[in-house]
Amino acid sequence: FFIYQKSGNSFTLRNIVTVGFKVWSGVFVGDDFYAVVDATGDLAVFNNFLAANTVDATVAPSKRITIEGITRTHGITFDASTGTGIMTDIATVGVAGAEADGGFHVIADFESKVAAVADGGTLLIAGNQVRVAGSNTMLGNPVDVAFDGSTGIVYIAEAANGKILAFSNVSAGGNLTPIVDNDLSGASSVYLSKE
Protein backbone atom coordinates (compact mmCIF):
# COMPACT_ATOMS: atom_id res chain seq x y z
CA PHE A 1 0.00 0.00 0.00
CA PHE A 2 1.30 3.43 -0.94
CA ILE A 3 0.28 6.01 1.66
CA TYR A 4 0.23 9.60 0.45
CA GLN A 5 -0.15 12.73 2.53
CA LYS A 6 -1.95 15.78 1.16
CA SER A 7 -0.54 19.25 1.72
CA GLY A 8 -2.47 22.03 0.02
CA ASN A 9 -3.00 20.88 -3.55
CA SER A 10 -0.14 18.38 -3.66
CA PHE A 11 0.44 14.83 -2.48
CA THR A 12 3.66 13.40 -1.07
CA LEU A 13 4.43 9.70 -0.64
CA ARG A 14 4.60 9.19 3.14
CA ASN A 15 5.47 5.49 3.26
CA ILE A 16 4.94 2.07 1.70
CA VAL A 17 3.32 -0.83 3.57
CA THR A 18 3.98 -4.29 2.12
CA VAL A 19 1.81 -7.30 2.90
CA GLY A 20 2.37 -10.98 2.19
CA PHE A 21 -0.56 -11.49 -0.19
CA LYS A 22 -2.08 -10.07 -3.35
CA VAL A 23 -4.63 -7.32 -2.77
CA TRP A 24 -7.44 -6.28 -5.08
CA SER A 25 -9.24 -3.50 -3.20
CA GLY A 26 -9.85 -2.13 0.26
CA VAL A 27 -11.93 0.25 2.31
CA PHE A 28 -11.61 2.15 5.56
CA VAL A 29 -14.06 1.35 8.33
CA GLY A 30 -13.31 4.06 10.85
CA ASP A 31 -9.55 3.90 11.48
CA ASP A 32 -9.31 0.25 10.41
CA PHE A 33 -8.49 -0.81 6.85
CA TYR A 34 -10.25 -3.84 5.35
CA ALA A 35 -8.48 -5.37 2.34
CA VAL A 36 -9.71 -8.18 0.11
CA VAL A 37 -7.19 -10.98 -0.34
CA ASP A 38 -7.09 -11.72 -4.08
CA ALA A 39 -7.65 -15.27 -5.32
CA THR A 40 -9.42 -16.20 -2.05
CA GLY A 41 -12.65 -15.54 -0.19
CA ASP A 42 -10.69 -13.84 2.58
CA LEU A 43 -10.79 -10.42 4.18
CA ALA A 44 -7.75 -8.93 5.96
CA VAL A 45 -8.26 -6.35 8.71
CA PHE A 46 -5.55 -3.87 9.69
CA ASN A 47 -6.46 -2.12 12.93
CA ASN A 48 -5.68 1.59 13.24
CA PHE A 49 -3.97 1.36 9.86
CA LEU A 50 -2.62 4.87 9.26
CA ALA A 51 -1.39 5.54 12.79
CA ALA A 52 0.14 2.08 13.22
CA ASN A 53 2.03 2.14 9.91
CA THR A 54 4.03 5.37 9.60
CA VAL A 55 7.26 4.04 8.07
CA ASP A 56 8.12 1.66 5.24
CA ALA A 57 7.54 -1.85 6.57
CA THR A 58 6.22 -5.32 5.85
CA VAL A 59 3.24 -5.99 8.09
CA ALA A 60 0.74 -8.72 8.81
CA PRO A 61 -2.96 -7.98 9.18
CA SER A 62 -4.45 -7.77 12.67
CA LYS A 63 -6.60 -10.65 11.52
CA ARG A 64 -7.64 -12.50 8.39
CA ILE A 65 -11.01 -14.19 8.06
CA THR A 66 -12.91 -16.10 5.37
CA ILE A 67 -16.27 -14.90 4.08
CA GLU A 68 -18.36 -18.05 3.60
CA GLY A 69 -19.80 -18.42 0.11
CA ILE A 70 -17.23 -16.24 -1.67
CA THR A 71 -14.91 -18.08 -4.07
CA ARG A 72 -12.73 -15.15 -5.13
CA THR A 73 -13.43 -11.71 -3.76
CA HIS A 74 -12.53 -8.46 -5.51
CA GLY A 75 -14.68 -5.45 -4.66
CA ILE A 76 -15.53 -4.11 -1.21
CA THR A 77 -17.42 -1.09 0.06
CA PHE A 78 -18.73 0.12 3.39
CA ASP A 79 -21.52 2.60 4.13
CA ALA A 80 -21.10 4.12 7.60
CA SER A 81 -24.61 5.60 7.65
CA THR A 82 -26.21 2.15 7.52
CA GLY A 83 -23.34 -0.01 8.81
CA THR A 84 -23.54 -2.10 5.63
CA GLY A 85 -20.58 -3.80 3.97
CA ILE A 86 -20.73 -5.32 0.50
CA MET A 87 -18.16 -7.64 -1.07
CA THR A 88 -18.13 -8.99 -4.62
CA ASP A 89 -17.33 -12.53 -5.72
CA ILE A 90 -15.91 -13.06 -9.21
CA ALA A 91 -16.08 -16.84 -8.64
CA THR A 92 -14.29 -18.66 -11.48
CA VAL A 93 -12.43 -16.90 -14.27
CA GLY A 94 -11.60 -18.06 -17.80
CA VAL A 95 -13.75 -21.20 -17.86
CA ALA A 96 -17.05 -21.97 -19.56
CA GLY A 97 -19.93 -20.37 -17.66
CA ALA A 98 -17.69 -17.91 -15.82
CA GLU A 99 -19.57 -14.97 -17.34
CA ALA A 100 -22.59 -15.88 -15.19
CA ASP A 101 -21.26 -17.27 -11.89
CA GLY A 102 -20.41 -14.09 -9.99
CA GLY A 103 -22.29 -12.43 -7.18
CA PHE A 104 -22.10 -10.08 -4.23
CA HIS A 105 -22.66 -10.41 -0.50
CA VAL A 106 -24.54 -7.85 1.60
CA ILE A 107 -23.52 -7.80 5.26
CA ALA A 108 -25.61 -5.63 7.60
CA ASP A 109 -23.90 -4.55 10.85
CA PHE A 110 -20.65 -5.29 9.01
CA GLU A 111 -18.16 -3.91 11.51
CA SER A 112 -19.45 -5.84 14.53
CA LYS A 113 -19.93 -9.08 12.56
CA VAL A 114 -16.36 -8.99 11.31
CA ALA A 115 -15.11 -8.08 14.80
CA ALA A 116 -16.90 -11.12 16.25
CA VAL A 117 -14.96 -13.56 14.03
CA ALA A 118 -11.61 -14.69 15.43
CA ASP A 119 -8.43 -14.55 13.37
CA GLY A 120 -8.50 -17.49 10.95
CA GLY A 121 -12.24 -17.95 11.41
CA THR A 122 -15.18 -17.77 8.99
CA LEU A 123 -18.07 -15.31 8.77
CA LEU A 124 -20.94 -17.71 8.10
CA ILE A 125 -23.73 -16.93 5.66
CA ALA A 126 -26.56 -18.01 7.96
CA GLY A 127 -27.70 -15.05 10.04
CA ASN A 128 -24.87 -12.82 8.87
CA GLN A 129 -25.08 -12.10 5.16
CA VAL A 130 -27.15 -12.48 1.99
CA ARG A 131 -25.89 -13.37 -1.48
CA VAL A 132 -27.12 -11.90 -4.76
CA ALA A 133 -26.27 -14.24 -7.65
CA GLY A 134 -27.87 -16.16 -10.48
CA SER A 135 -28.72 -16.05 -14.17
CA ASN A 136 -30.87 -12.88 -13.93
CA THR A 137 -28.11 -10.81 -12.31
CA MET A 138 -25.70 -10.71 -15.29
CA LEU A 139 -22.86 -11.04 -12.75
CA GLY A 140 -19.84 -12.91 -14.07
CA ASN A 141 -16.87 -10.88 -12.92
CA PRO A 142 -18.10 -8.13 -10.57
CA VAL A 143 -14.80 -6.41 -9.86
CA ASP A 144 -15.96 -3.36 -7.94
CA VAL A 145 -18.94 -2.14 -5.94
CA ALA A 146 -20.46 1.08 -4.59
CA PHE A 147 -23.47 1.42 -2.31
CA ASP A 148 -25.93 4.24 -1.77
CA GLY A 149 -27.13 3.75 1.79
CA SER A 150 -29.88 6.37 1.45
CA THR A 151 -31.59 4.52 -1.41
CA GLY A 152 -30.34 0.98 -0.79
CA ILE A 153 -29.01 0.72 -4.35
CA VAL A 154 -25.89 -1.34 -5.07
CA TYR A 155 -23.77 -0.41 -8.13
CA ILE A 156 -21.48 -2.99 -9.72
CA ALA A 157 -18.65 -2.73 -12.27
CA GLU A 158 -19.09 -6.01 -14.18
CA ALA A 159 -15.96 -6.80 -16.21
CA ALA A 160 -16.82 -10.13 -17.88
CA ASN A 161 -20.01 -8.80 -19.47
CA GLY A 162 -18.84 -5.17 -19.88
CA LYS A 163 -21.53 -3.46 -17.82
CA ILE A 164 -22.36 -1.11 -15.00
CA LEU A 165 -25.25 -2.69 -13.11
CA ALA A 166 -27.45 -1.43 -10.28
CA PHE A 167 -29.63 -3.47 -7.93
CA SER A 168 -32.37 -2.47 -5.50
CA ASN A 169 -34.12 -4.45 -2.76
CA VAL A 170 -30.97 -6.46 -2.10
CA SER A 171 -31.68 -7.32 1.54
CA ALA A 172 -33.35 -10.62 0.68
CA GLY A 173 -30.59 -11.68 -1.74
CA GLY A 174 -31.21 -14.16 -4.52
CA ASN A 175 -31.36 -14.07 -8.31
CA LEU A 176 -32.22 -10.39 -8.75
CA THR A 177 -32.64 -8.58 -12.05
CA PRO A 178 -30.69 -5.31 -12.18
CA ILE A 179 -32.66 -2.06 -12.32
CA VAL A 180 -29.83 -0.51 -14.37
CA ASP A 181 -27.96 -2.36 -17.12
CA ASN A 182 -25.55 -0.05 -18.95
CA ASP A 183 -23.01 -1.44 -21.39
CA LEU A 184 -19.50 -0.22 -20.64
CA SER A 185 -16.70 -2.14 -22.27
CA GLY A 186 -13.84 -2.76 -19.86
CA ALA A 187 -15.73 -1.75 -16.70
CA SER A 188 -13.28 -2.22 -13.85
CA SER A 189 -14.23 0.33 -11.22
CA VAL A 190 -17.26 2.21 -9.93
CA TYR A 191 -17.44 5.16 -7.53
CA LEU A 192 -20.55 6.90 -6.20
CA SER A 193 -20.49 10.63 -5.53
CA LYS A 194 -23.64 12.48 -4.47
CA GLU A 195 -23.85 16.24 -4.19
C-alpha atoms as a PDB file:
ATOM      1  CA  PHE A   1       0.000   0.000   0.000  1.00  0.00           C
ATOM      2  CA  PHE A   2       1.301   3.434  -0.938  1.00  0.00           C
ATOM      3  CA  ILE A   3       0.281   6.011   1.659  1.00  0.00           C
ATOM      4  CA  TYR A   4       0.229   9.598   0.450  1.00  0.00           C
ATOM      5  CA  GLN A   5      -0.150  12.729   2.534  1.00  0.00           C
ATOM      6  CA  LYS A   6      -1.947  15.780   1.160  1.00  0.00           C
ATOM      7  CA  SER A   7      -0.537  19.246   1.721  1.00  0.00           C
ATOM      8  CA  GLY A   8      -2.472  22.027   0.021  1.00  0.00           C
ATOM      9  CA  ASN A   9      -3.001  20.875  -3.546  1.00  0.00           C
ATOM     10  CA  SER A  10      -0.136  18.382  -3.663  1.00  0.00           C
ATOM     11  CA  PHE A  11       0.441  14.825  -2.477  1.00  0.00           C
ATOM     12  CA  THR A  12       3.665  13.396  -1.073  1.00  0.00           C
ATOM     13  CA  LEU A  13       4.430   9.704  -0.639  1.00  0.00           C
ATOM     14  CA  ARG A  14       4.604   9.190   3.138  1.00  0.00           C
ATOM     15  CA  ASN A  15       5.466   5.486   3.260  1.00  0.00           C
ATOM     16  CA  ILE A  16       4.937   2.070   1.703  1.00  0.00           C
ATOM     17  CA  VAL A  17       3.321  -0.828   3.565  1.00  0.00           C
ATOM     18  CA  THR A  18       3.975  -4.286   2.118  1.00  0.00           C
ATOM     19  CA  VAL A  19       1.806  -7.297   2.902  1.00  0.00           C
ATOM     20  CA  GLY A  20       2.370 -10.984   2.194  1.00  0.00           C
ATOM     21  CA  PHE A  21      -0.558 -11.489  -0.185  1.00  0.00           C
ATOM     22  CA  LYS A  22      -2.082 -10.066  -3.353  1.00  0.00           C
ATOM     23  CA  VAL A  23      -4.631  -7.316  -2.765  1.00  0.00           C
ATOM     24  CA  TRP A  24      -7.441  -6.277  -5.078  1.00  0.00           C
ATOM     25  CA  SER A  25      -9.237  -3.496  -3.202  1.00  0.00           C
ATOM     26  CA  GLY A  26      -9.854  -2.129   0.260  1.00  0.00           C
ATOM     27  CA  VAL A  27     -11.934   0.253   2.314  1.00  0.00           C
ATOM     28  CA  PHE A  28     -11.606   2.154   5.564  1.00  0.00           C
ATOM     29  CA  VAL A  29     -14.056   1.345   8.334  1.00  0.00           C
ATOM     30  CA  GLY A  30     -13.308   4.057  10.850  1.00  0.00           C
ATOM     31  CA  ASP A  31      -9.549   3.896  11.475  1.00  0.00           C
ATOM     32  CA  ASP A  32      -9.315   0.246  10.413  1.00  0.00           C
ATOM     33  CA  PHE A  33      -8.491  -0.810   6.854  1.00  0.00           C
ATOM     34  CA  TYR A  34     -10.248  -3.840   5.350  1.00  0.00           C
ATOM     35  CA  ALA A  35      -8.479  -5.366   2.340  1.00  0.00           C
ATOM     36  CA  VAL A  36      -9.714  -8.180   0.112  1.00  0.00           C
ATOM     37  CA  VAL A  37      -7.186 -10.981  -0.340  1.00  0.00           C
ATOM     38  CA  ASP A  38      -7.090 -11.717  -4.076  1.00  0.00           C
ATOM     39  CA  ALA A  39      -7.647 -15.272  -5.324  1.00  0.00           C
ATOM     40  CA  THR A  40      -9.423 -16.200  -2.052  1.00  0.00           C
ATOM     41  CA  GLY A  41     -12.653 -15.540  -0.189  1.00  0.00           C
ATOM     42  CA  ASP A  42     -10.695 -13.837   2.584  1.00  0.00           C
ATOM     43  CA  LEU A  43     -10.785 -10.415   4.184  1.00  0.00           C
ATOM     44  CA  ALA A  44      -7.751  -8.929   5.957  1.00  0.00           C
ATOM     45  CA  VAL A  45      -8.261  -6.355   8.707  1.00  0.00           C
ATOM     46  CA  PHE A  46      -5.549  -3.868   9.685  1.00  0.00           C
ATOM     47  CA  ASN A  47      -6.458  -2.121  12.934  1.00  0.00           C
ATOM     48  CA  ASN A  48      -5.677   1.592  13.243  1.00  0.00           C
ATOM     49  CA  PHE A  49      -3.968   1.356   9.860  1.00  0.00           C
ATOM     50  CA  LEU A  50      -2.621   4.868   9.257  1.00  0.00           C
ATOM     51  CA  ALA A  51      -1.393   5.544  12.794  1.00  0.00           C
ATOM     52  CA  ALA A  52       0.139   2.081  13.216  1.00  0.00           C
ATOM     53  CA  ASN A  53       2.035   2.145   9.909  1.00  0.00           C
ATOM     54  CA  THR A  54       4.030   5.369   9.605  1.00  0.00           C
ATOM     55  CA  VAL A  55       7.259   4.038   8.072  1.00  0.00           C
ATOM     56  CA  ASP A  56       8.119   1.661   5.237  1.00  0.00           C
ATOM     57  CA  ALA A  57       7.538  -1.846   6.570  1.00  0.00           C
ATOM     58  CA  THR A  58       6.222  -5.322   5.852  1.00  0.00           C
ATOM     59  CA  VAL A  59       3.243  -5.986   8.093  1.00  0.00           C
ATOM     60  CA  ALA A  60       0.740  -8.723   8.810  1.00  0.00           C
ATOM     61  CA  PRO A  61      -2.963  -7.982   9.185  1.00  0.00           C
ATOM     62  CA  SER A  62      -4.449  -7.765  12.667  1.00  0.00           C
ATOM     63  CA  LYS A  63      -6.604 -10.650  11.522  1.00  0.00           C
ATOM     64  CA  ARG A  64      -7.641 -12.499   8.394  1.00  0.00           C
ATOM     65  CA  ILE A  65     -11.014 -14.187   8.061  1.00  0.00           C
ATOM     66  CA  THR A  66     -12.912 -16.103   5.374  1.00  0.00           C
ATOM     67  CA  ILE A  67     -16.271 -14.900   4.080  1.00  0.00           C
ATOM     68  CA  GLU A  68     -18.362 -18.048   3.598  1.00  0.00           C
ATOM     69  CA  GLY A  69     -19.805 -18.425   0.108  1.00  0.00           C
ATOM     70  CA  ILE A  70     -17.228 -16.243  -1.667  1.00  0.00           C
ATOM     71  CA  THR A  71     -14.910 -18.082  -4.067  1.00  0.00           C
ATOM     72  CA  ARG A  72     -12.732 -15.146  -5.130  1.00  0.00           C
ATOM     73  CA  THR A  73     -13.432 -11.706  -3.763  1.00  0.00           C
ATOM     74  CA  HIS A  74     -12.525  -8.460  -5.513  1.00  0.00           C
ATOM     75  CA  GLY A  75     -14.675  -5.446  -4.658  1.00  0.00           C
ATOM     76  CA  ILE A  76     -15.527  -4.112  -1.213  1.00  0.00           C
ATOM     77  CA  THR A  77     -17.419  -1.086   0.058  1.00  0.00           C
ATOM     78  CA  PHE A  78     -18.732   0.124   3.394  1.00  0.00           C
ATOM     79  CA  ASP A  79     -21.516   2.596   4.134  1.00  0.00           C
ATOM     80  CA  ALA A  80     -21.097   4.116   7.596  1.00  0.00           C
ATOM     81  CA  SER A  81     -24.608   5.604   7.654  1.00  0.00           C
ATOM     82  CA  THR A  82     -26.214   2.146   7.518  1.00  0.00           C
ATOM     83  CA  GLY A  83     -23.336  -0.013   8.808  1.00  0.00           C
ATOM     84  CA  THR A  84     -23.544  -2.100   5.627  1.00  0.00           C
ATOM     85  CA  GLY A  85     -20.585  -3.802   3.965  1.00  0.00           C
ATOM     86  CA  ILE A  86     -20.728  -5.319   0.503  1.00  0.00           C
ATOM     87  CA  MET A  87     -18.164  -7.640  -1.066  1.00  0.00           C
ATOM     88  CA  THR A  88     -18.133  -8.986  -4.618  1.00  0.00           C
ATOM     89  CA  ASP A  89     -17.330 -12.529  -5.719  1.00  0.00           C
ATOM     90  CA  ILE A  90     -15.906 -13.056  -9.209  1.00  0.00           C
ATOM     91  CA  ALA A  91     -16.082 -16.840  -8.641  1.00  0.00           C
ATOM     92  CA  THR A  92     -14.288 -18.663 -11.477  1.00  0.00           C
ATOM     93  CA  VAL A  93     -12.430 -16.902 -14.271  1.00  0.00           C
ATOM     94  CA  GLY A  94     -11.604 -18.060 -17.800  1.00  0.00           C
ATOM     95  CA  VAL A  95     -13.754 -21.197 -17.856  1.00  0.00           C
ATOM     96  CA  ALA A  96     -17.054 -21.974 -19.563  1.00  0.00           C
ATOM     97  CA  GLY A  97     -19.933 -20.373 -17.664  1.00  0.00           C
ATOM     98  CA  ALA A  98     -17.692 -17.907 -15.823  1.00  0.00           C
ATOM     99  CA  GLU A  99     -19.567 -14.968 -17.336  1.00  0.00           C
ATOM    100  CA  ALA A 100     -22.595 -15.880 -15.187  1.00  0.00           C
ATOM    101  CA  ASP A 101     -21.257 -17.272 -11.891  1.00  0.00           C
ATOM    102  CA  GLY A 102     -20.407 -14.088  -9.988  1.00  0.00           C
ATOM    103  CA  GLY A 103     -22.289 -12.427  -7.177  1.00  0.00           C
ATOM    104  CA  PHE A 104     -22.103 -10.076  -4.229  1.00  0.00           C
ATOM    105  CA  HIS A 105     -22.663 -10.408  -0.500  1.00  0.00           C
ATOM    106  CA  VAL A 106     -24.537  -7.853   1.597  1.00  0.00           C
ATOM    107  CA  ILE A 107     -23.520  -7.803   5.259  1.00  0.00           C
ATOM    108  CA  ALA A 108     -25.606  -5.627   7.596  1.00  0.00           C
ATOM    109  CA  ASP A 109     -23.904  -4.555  10.846  1.00  0.00           C
ATOM    110  CA  PHE A 110     -20.651  -5.290   9.006  1.00  0.00           C
ATOM    111  CA  GLU A 111     -18.161  -3.909  11.510  1.00  0.00           C
ATOM    112  CA  SER A 112     -19.453  -5.843  14.531  1.00  0.00           C
ATOM    113  CA  LYS A 113     -19.935  -9.081  12.563  1.00  0.00           C
ATOM    114  CA  VAL A 114     -16.356  -8.987  11.312  1.00  0.00           C
ATOM    115  CA  ALA A 115     -15.115  -8.080  14.803  1.00  0.00           C
ATOM    116  CA  ALA A 116     -16.903 -11.124  16.254  1.00  0.00           C
ATOM    117  CA  VAL A 117     -14.963 -13.561  14.027  1.00  0.00           C
ATOM    118  CA  ALA A 118     -11.610 -14.692  15.432  1.00  0.00           C
ATOM    119  CA  ASP A 119      -8.430 -14.554  13.370  1.00  0.00           C
ATOM    120  CA  GLY A 120      -8.499 -17.491  10.949  1.00  0.00           C
ATOM    121  CA  GLY A 121     -12.245 -17.951  11.412  1.00  0.00           C
ATOM    122  CA  THR A 122     -15.182 -17.767   8.994  1.00  0.00           C
ATOM    123  CA  LEU A 123     -18.067 -15.307   8.765  1.00  0.00           C
ATOM    124  CA  LEU A 124     -20.938 -17.706   8.100  1.00  0.00           C
ATOM    125  CA  ILE A 125     -23.734 -16.926   5.663  1.00  0.00           C
ATOM    126  CA  ALA A 126     -26.564 -18.006   7.960  1.00  0.00           C
ATOM    127  CA  GLY A 127     -27.703 -15.049  10.037  1.00  0.00           C
ATOM    128  CA  ASN A 128     -24.868 -12.817   8.870  1.00  0.00           C
ATOM    129  CA  GLN A 129     -25.085 -12.096   5.157  1.00  0.00           C
ATOM    130  CA  VAL A 130     -27.147 -12.479   1.992  1.00  0.00           C
ATOM    131  CA  ARG A 131     -25.892 -13.366  -1.483  1.00  0.00           C
ATOM    132  CA  VAL A 132     -27.121 -11.898  -4.755  1.00  0.00           C
ATOM    133  CA  ALA A 133     -26.270 -14.236  -7.648  1.00  0.00           C
ATOM    134  CA  GLY A 134     -27.871 -16.158 -10.478  1.00  0.00           C
ATOM    135  CA  SER A 135     -28.719 -16.046 -14.165  1.00  0.00           C
ATOM    136  CA  ASN A 136     -30.875 -12.883 -13.929  1.00  0.00           C
ATOM    137  CA  THR A 137     -28.112 -10.808 -12.310  1.00  0.00           C
ATOM    138  CA  MET A 138     -25.698 -10.708 -15.288  1.00  0.00           C
ATOM    139  CA  LEU A 139     -22.859 -11.040 -12.752  1.00  0.00           C
ATOM    140  CA  GLY A 140     -19.840 -12.913 -14.069  1.00  0.00           C
ATOM    141  CA  ASN A 141     -16.867 -10.884 -12.919  1.00  0.00           C
ATOM    142  CA  PRO A 142     -18.095  -8.133 -10.571  1.00  0.00           C
ATOM    143  CA  VAL A 143     -14.795  -6.409  -9.860  1.00  0.00           C
ATOM    144  CA  ASP A 144     -15.963  -3.363  -7.939  1.00  0.00           C
ATOM    145  CA  VAL A 145     -18.943  -2.142  -5.937  1.00  0.00           C
ATOM    146  CA  ALA A 146     -20.455   1.075  -4.593  1.00  0.00           C
ATOM    147  CA  PHE A 147     -23.468   1.420  -2.311  1.00  0.00           C
ATOM    148  CA  ASP A 148     -25.934   4.245  -1.770  1.00  0.00           C
ATOM    149  CA  GLY A 149     -27.131   3.746   1.791  1.00  0.00           C
ATOM    150  CA  SER A 150     -29.882   6.371   1.452  1.00  0.00           C
ATOM    151  CA  THR A 151     -31.593   4.518  -1.412  1.00  0.00           C
ATOM    152  CA  GLY A 152     -30.338   0.982  -0.786  1.00  0.00           C
ATOM    153  CA  ILE A 153     -29.011   0.717  -4.353  1.00  0.00           C
ATOM    154  CA  VAL A 154     -25.886  -1.344  -5.075  1.00  0.00           C
ATOM    155  CA  TYR A 155     -23.765  -0.406  -8.126  1.00  0.00           C
ATOM    156  CA  ILE A 156     -21.477  -2.993  -9.725  1.00  0.00           C
ATOM    157  CA  ALA A 157     -18.649  -2.734 -12.268  1.00  0.00           C
ATOM    158  CA  GLU A 158     -19.087  -6.008 -14.176  1.00  0.00           C
ATOM    159  CA  ALA A 159     -15.956  -6.799 -16.212  1.00  0.00           C
ATOM    160  CA  ALA A 160     -16.820 -10.128 -17.885  1.00  0.00           C
ATOM    161  CA  ASN A 161     -20.010  -8.796 -19.465  1.00  0.00           C
ATOM    162  CA  GLY A 162     -18.842  -5.169 -19.883  1.00  0.00           C
ATOM    163  CA  LYS A 163     -21.527  -3.458 -17.816  1.00  0.00           C
ATOM    164  CA  ILE A 164     -22.361  -1.106 -14.999  1.00  0.00           C
ATOM    165  CA  LEU A 165     -25.254  -2.688 -13.115  1.00  0.00           C
ATOM    166  CA  ALA A 166     -27.448  -1.435 -10.282  1.00  0.00           C
ATOM    167  CA  PHE A 167     -29.630  -3.470  -7.925  1.00  0.00           C
ATOM    168  CA  SER A 168     -32.374  -2.469  -5.504  1.00  0.00           C
ATOM    169  CA  ASN A 169     -34.124  -4.450  -2.759  1.00  0.00           C
ATOM    170  CA  VAL A 170     -30.970  -6.457  -2.102  1.00  0.00           C
ATOM    171  CA  SER A 171     -31.677  -7.317   1.544  1.00  0.00           C
ATOM    172  CA  ALA A 172     -33.352 -10.617   0.683  1.00  0.00           C
ATOM    173  CA  GLY A 173     -30.594 -11.677  -1.735  1.00  0.00           C
ATOM    174  CA  GLY A 174     -31.210 -14.157  -4.524  1.00  0.00           C
ATOM    175  CA  ASN A 175     -31.362 -14.073  -8.307  1.00  0.00           C
ATOM    176  CA  LEU A 176     -32.224 -10.390  -8.747  1.00  0.00           C
ATOM    177  CA  THR A 177     -32.638  -8.577 -12.049  1.00  0.00           C
ATOM    178  CA  PRO A 178     -30.691  -5.310 -12.177  1.00  0.00           C
ATOM    179  CA  ILE A 179     -32.659  -2.056 -12.321  1.00  0.00           C
ATOM    180  CA  VAL A 180     -29.834  -0.505 -14.370  1.00  0.00           C
ATOM    181  CA  ASP A 181     -27.962  -2.363 -17.124  1.00  0.00           C
ATOM    182  CA  ASN A 182     -25.554  -0.052 -18.955  1.00  0.00           C
ATOM    183  CA  ASP A 183     -23.008  -1.444 -21.388  1.00  0.00           C
ATOM    184  CA  LEU A 184     -19.496  -0.219 -20.637  1.00  0.00           C
ATOM    185  CA  SER A 185     -16.697  -2.139 -22.268  1.00  0.00           C
ATOM    186  CA  GLY A 186     -13.843  -2.764 -19.858  1.00  0.00           C
ATOM    187  CA  ALA A 187     -15.733  -1.754 -16.704  1.00  0.00           C
ATOM    188  CA  SER A 188     -13.279  -2.219 -13.850  1.00  0.00           C
ATOM    189  CA  SER A 189     -14.234   0.335 -11.217  1.00  0.00           C
ATOM    190  CA  VAL A 190     -17.258   2.212  -9.927  1.00  0.00           C
ATOM    191  CA  TYR A 191     -17.440   5.162  -7.534  1.00  0.00           C
ATOM    192  CA  LEU A 192     -20.549   6.896  -6.197  1.00  0.00           C
ATOM    193  CA  SER A 193     -20.490  10.633  -5.533  1.00  0.00           C
ATOM    194  CA  LYS A 194     -23.642  12.477  -4.468  1.00  0.00           C
ATOM    195  CA  GLU A 195     -23.850  16.244  -4.186  1.00  0.00           C
END
